[in-house]
Amino acid sequence: MSVLAWIILGLVAGFIGSKLVIVNGSGEGLLLDIMLGIVGAIAGGWLFTSLGQPEVTGVDLYSLGIAVASSVLVLLVYHAIIEA
């Protein structure tokens, strides 16, 4: 899947991730959460294909699941670093 598709999927995943990861009553702001979601989606897509998982071929539930999970992970790591 192209990087552009991961960015678009990352927009959606970042929004969903920002709603799932709420620290101190709110996120870091919608724009920052979405940008971190894009980073997480791209990193998650690259990691899954590097580890030999089934190819992520398009915008579907499997791809969205990977993108949301990795964006939530990036958001949690970000909040852990900021709060430390």
N, C-alpha and C. Protein backbone atom coordinates (compact mmCIF):
# COMPACT_ATOMS: atom_id res chain seq x y z
N MET A 1 0.86 -1.17 0.00
CA MET A 1 0.00 0.00 0.00
C MET A 1 0.90 1.23 0.00
N SER A 2 0.48 2.25 -0.67
CA SER A 2 1.31 3.45 -0.80
C SER A 2 1.32 4.26 0.49
N VAL A 3 2.33 5.09 0.60
CA VAL A 3 2.45 5.95 1.77
C VAL A 3 1.28 6.93 1.83
N LEU A 4 0.80 7.39 0.68
CA LEU A 4 -0.34 8.30 0.66
C LEU A 4 -1.58 7.64 1.25
N ALA A 5 -1.78 6.37 0.93
CA ALA A 5 -2.93 5.66 1.50
C ALA A 5 -2.78 5.51 3.01
N TRP A 6 -1.55 5.25 3.48
CA TRP A 6 -1.33 5.16 4.93
C TRP A 6 -1.56 6.50 5.61
N ILE A 7 -1.22 7.59 4.94
CA ILE A 7 -1.48 8.91 5.51
C ILE A 7 -2.98 9.15 5.64
N ILE A 8 -3.72 8.82 4.60
CA ILE A 8 -5.17 8.99 4.65
C ILE A 8 -5.77 8.09 5.72
N LEU A 9 -5.33 6.84 5.76
CA LEU A 9 -5.80 5.93 6.79
C LEU A 9 -5.36 6.41 8.17
N GLY A 10 -4.17 7.03 8.24
CA GLY A 10 -3.67 7.58 9.50
C GLY A 10 -4.52 8.73 10.03
N LEU A 11 -5.10 9.51 9.12
CA LEU A 11 -6.01 10.58 9.56
C LEU A 11 -7.18 9.99 10.33
N VAL A 12 -7.76 8.95 9.77
CA VAL A 12 -8.90 8.30 10.42
C VAL A 12 -8.44 7.61 11.71
N ALA A 13 -7.31 6.90 11.63
CA ALA A 13 -6.81 6.19 12.80
C ALA A 13 -6.40 7.16 13.91
N GLY A 14 -5.83 8.29 13.54
CA GLY A 14 -5.45 9.29 14.54
C GLY A 14 -6.65 9.87 15.25
N PHE A 15 -7.72 10.09 14.50
CA PHE A 15 -8.95 10.59 15.12
C PHE A 15 -9.52 9.55 16.08
N ILE A 16 -9.58 8.30 15.63
CA ILE A 16 -10.10 7.23 16.50
C ILE A 16 -9.19 7.05 17.71
N GLY A 17 -7.87 7.06 17.47
CA GLY A 17 -6.92 6.92 18.56
C GLY A 17 -7.02 8.05 19.57
N SER A 18 -7.26 9.27 19.09
CA SER A 18 -7.38 10.40 20.02
C SER A 18 -8.61 10.26 20.90
N LYS A 19 -9.63 9.59 20.41
CA LYS A 19 -10.83 9.36 21.21
C LYS A 19 -10.62 8.20 22.19
N LEU A 20 -9.74 7.26 21.86
CA LEU A 20 -9.48 6.13 22.74
C LEU A 20 -8.46 6.44 23.82
N VAL A 21 -7.49 7.28 23.52
CA VAL A 21 -6.42 7.62 24.47
C VAL A 21 -6.73 9.01 25.02
N ILE A 22 -7.32 9.01 26.20
CA ILE A 22 -7.65 10.28 26.84
C ILE A 22 -6.87 10.34 28.15
N VAL A 23 -5.96 11.29 28.23
CA VAL A 23 -5.12 11.46 29.42
C VAL A 23 -5.50 12.78 30.06
N ASN A 24 -5.73 12.76 31.36
CA ASN A 24 -6.10 13.96 32.12
C ASN A 24 -7.36 14.61 31.57
N GLY A 25 -8.31 13.82 31.15
CA GLY A 25 -9.59 14.35 30.69
C GLY A 25 -9.65 14.74 29.24
N SER A 26 -8.50 14.88 28.57
CA SER A 26 -8.52 15.24 27.16
C SER A 26 -7.23 14.80 26.51
N GLY A 27 -7.19 14.86 25.20
CA GLY A 27 -5.98 14.52 24.46
C GLY A 27 -5.07 15.74 24.37
N GLU A 28 -4.13 15.68 23.48
CA GLU A 28 -3.19 16.78 23.28
C GLU A 28 -3.73 17.82 22.32
N GLY A 29 -4.88 17.61 21.80
CA GLY A 29 -5.43 18.47 20.77
C GLY A 29 -5.64 17.65 19.52
N LEU A 30 -6.68 17.93 18.82
CA LEU A 30 -7.06 17.11 17.68
C LEU A 30 -5.98 17.07 16.62
N LEU A 31 -5.38 18.20 16.30
CA LEU A 31 -4.38 18.24 15.24
C LEU A 31 -3.14 17.42 15.61
N LEU A 32 -2.62 17.57 16.81
CA LEU A 32 -1.45 16.81 17.24
C LEU A 32 -1.77 15.33 17.33
N ASP A 33 -2.94 14.99 17.84
CA ASP A 33 -3.34 13.59 17.93
C ASP A 33 -3.44 12.96 16.54
N ILE A 34 -3.97 13.67 15.58
CA ILE A 34 -4.09 13.14 14.22
C ILE A 34 -2.72 13.01 13.58
N MET A 35 -1.83 13.98 13.81
CA MET A 35 -0.47 13.87 13.26
C MET A 35 0.26 12.68 13.87
N LEU A 36 0.11 12.46 15.16
CA LEU A 36 0.71 11.29 15.79
C LEU A 36 0.05 10.01 15.27
N GLY A 37 -1.22 10.07 14.95
CA GLY A 37 -1.91 8.92 14.36
C GLY A 37 -1.36 8.57 12.99
N ILE A 38 -1.05 9.59 12.19
CA ILE A 38 -0.45 9.36 10.88
C ILE A 38 0.91 8.69 11.03
N VAL A 39 1.72 9.19 11.97
CA VAL A 39 3.03 8.59 12.22
C VAL A 39 2.86 7.14 12.66
N GLY A 40 1.91 6.89 13.54
CA GLY A 40 1.66 5.53 14.01
C GLY A 40 1.18 4.62 12.90
N ALA A 41 0.33 5.11 12.03
CA ALA A 41 -0.19 4.29 10.94
C ALA A 41 0.91 3.92 9.95
N ILE A 42 1.75 4.88 9.63
CA ILE A 42 2.86 4.59 8.71
C ILE A 42 3.84 3.61 9.36
N ALA A 43 4.16 3.86 10.62
CA ALA A 43 5.09 2.96 11.32
C ALA A 43 4.49 1.56 11.47
N GLY A 44 3.22 1.48 11.79
CA GLY A 44 2.57 0.18 11.94
C GLY A 44 2.50 -0.57 10.62
N GLY A 45 2.20 0.11 9.54
CA GLY A 45 2.16 -0.53 8.23
C GLY A 45 3.53 -1.05 7.83
N TRP A 46 4.55 -0.26 8.07
CA TRP A 46 5.90 -0.68 7.74
C TRP A 46 6.32 -1.86 8.61
N LEU A 47 6.01 -1.79 9.91
CA LEU A 47 6.41 -2.85 10.83
C LEU A 47 5.71 -4.16 10.49
N PHE A 48 4.43 -4.13 10.21
CA PHE A 48 3.70 -5.36 9.90
C PHE A 48 4.21 -6.01 8.64
N THR A 49 4.50 -5.23 7.61
CA THR A 49 5.02 -5.84 6.38
C THR A 49 6.46 -6.30 6.58
N SER A 50 7.24 -5.63 7.41
CA SER A 50 8.62 -6.05 7.68
C SER A 50 8.67 -7.35 8.47
N LEU A 51 7.68 -7.57 9.33
CA LEU A 51 7.65 -8.78 10.14
C LEU A 51 7.02 -9.96 9.40
N GLY A 52 6.67 -9.75 8.14
CA GLY A 52 6.15 -10.84 7.33
C GLY A 52 4.67 -11.11 7.51
N GLN A 53 3.95 -10.19 8.11
CA GLN A 53 2.51 -10.36 8.24
C GLN A 53 1.86 -10.21 6.87
N PRO A 54 0.61 -10.64 6.74
CA PRO A 54 -0.05 -10.51 5.44
C PRO A 54 -0.01 -9.07 4.94
N GLU A 55 0.22 -8.92 3.65
CA GLU A 55 0.31 -7.59 3.04
C GLU A 55 -0.93 -6.77 3.33
N VAL A 56 -0.71 -5.55 3.64
CA VAL A 56 -1.80 -4.59 3.80
C VAL A 56 -2.01 -4.00 2.41
N THR A 57 -3.15 -4.32 1.81
CA THR A 57 -3.32 -4.01 0.39
C THR A 57 -4.25 -2.85 0.10
N GLY A 58 -4.96 -2.38 1.07
CA GLY A 58 -5.88 -1.30 0.77
C GLY A 58 -6.54 -0.78 2.03
N VAL A 59 -7.48 0.07 1.85
CA VAL A 59 -8.21 0.64 2.98
C VAL A 59 -9.36 -0.30 3.29
N ASP A 60 -9.14 -1.16 4.28
CA ASP A 60 -10.13 -2.12 4.72
C ASP A 60 -10.05 -2.24 6.25
N LEU A 61 -10.85 -3.12 6.83
CA LEU A 61 -10.88 -3.24 8.28
C LEU A 61 -9.54 -3.72 8.85
N TYR A 62 -8.87 -4.62 8.15
CA TYR A 62 -7.56 -5.10 8.60
C TYR A 62 -6.56 -3.95 8.66
N SER A 63 -6.50 -3.16 7.61
CA SER A 63 -5.59 -2.02 7.57
C SER A 63 -5.95 -0.99 8.63
N LEU A 64 -7.24 -0.74 8.79
CA LEU A 64 -7.69 0.22 9.80
C LEU A 64 -7.33 -0.27 11.20
N GLY A 65 -7.48 -1.57 11.44
CA GLY A 65 -7.12 -2.13 12.74
C GLY A 65 -5.66 -1.95 13.06
N ILE A 66 -4.80 -2.21 12.07
CA ILE A 66 -3.36 -2.01 12.25
C ILE A 66 -3.06 -0.54 12.51
N ALA A 67 -3.67 0.33 11.73
CA ALA A 67 -3.41 1.76 11.86
C ALA A 67 -3.88 2.29 13.22
N VAL A 68 -5.06 1.87 13.66
CA VAL A 68 -5.58 2.34 14.95
C VAL A 68 -4.71 1.81 16.09
N ALA A 69 -4.36 0.53 16.04
CA ALA A 69 -3.54 -0.05 17.11
C ALA A 69 -2.18 0.64 17.20
N SER A 70 -1.56 0.87 16.06
CA SER A 70 -0.25 1.51 16.10
C SER A 70 -0.35 2.99 16.46
N SER A 71 -1.42 3.67 16.07
CA SER A 71 -1.56 5.07 16.46
C SER A 71 -1.84 5.20 17.96
N VAL A 72 -2.62 4.27 18.51
CA VAL A 72 -2.85 4.27 19.96
C VAL A 72 -1.53 4.04 20.68
N LEU A 73 -0.71 3.12 20.16
CA LEU A 73 0.59 2.87 20.78
C LEU A 73 1.47 4.11 20.74
N VAL A 74 1.51 4.80 19.61
CA VAL A 74 2.31 6.02 19.50
C VAL A 74 1.78 7.09 20.45
N LEU A 75 0.47 7.23 20.55
CA LEU A 75 -0.11 8.22 21.47
C LEU A 75 0.22 7.89 22.92
N LEU A 76 0.15 6.61 23.29
CA LEU A 76 0.49 6.21 24.66
C LEU A 76 1.96 6.48 24.97
N VAL A 77 2.83 6.17 24.04
CA VAL A 77 4.27 6.43 24.24
C VAL A 77 4.51 7.93 24.35
N TYR A 78 3.86 8.70 23.50
CA TYR A 78 4.00 10.16 23.54
C TYR A 78 3.57 10.71 24.90
N HIS A 79 2.41 10.27 25.38
CA HIS A 79 1.93 10.75 26.68
C HIS A 79 2.83 10.30 27.81
N ALA A 80 3.39 9.09 27.71
CA ALA A 80 4.29 8.60 28.75
C ALA A 80 5.58 9.44 28.79
N ILE A 81 6.07 9.83 27.63
CA ILE A 81 7.30 10.64 27.59
C ILE A 81 7.03 12.05 28.09
N ILE A 82 5.92 12.64 27.68
CA ILE A 82 5.58 14.00 28.08
C ILE A 82 5.31 14.08 29.59
N GLU A 83 4.65 13.08 30.14
CA GLU A 83 4.28 13.12 31.56
C GLU A 83 5.44 12.74 32.48
N ALA A 84 6.51 12.18 31.92
CA ALA A 84 7.64 11.72 32.76
C ALA A 84 8.52 12.87 33.18
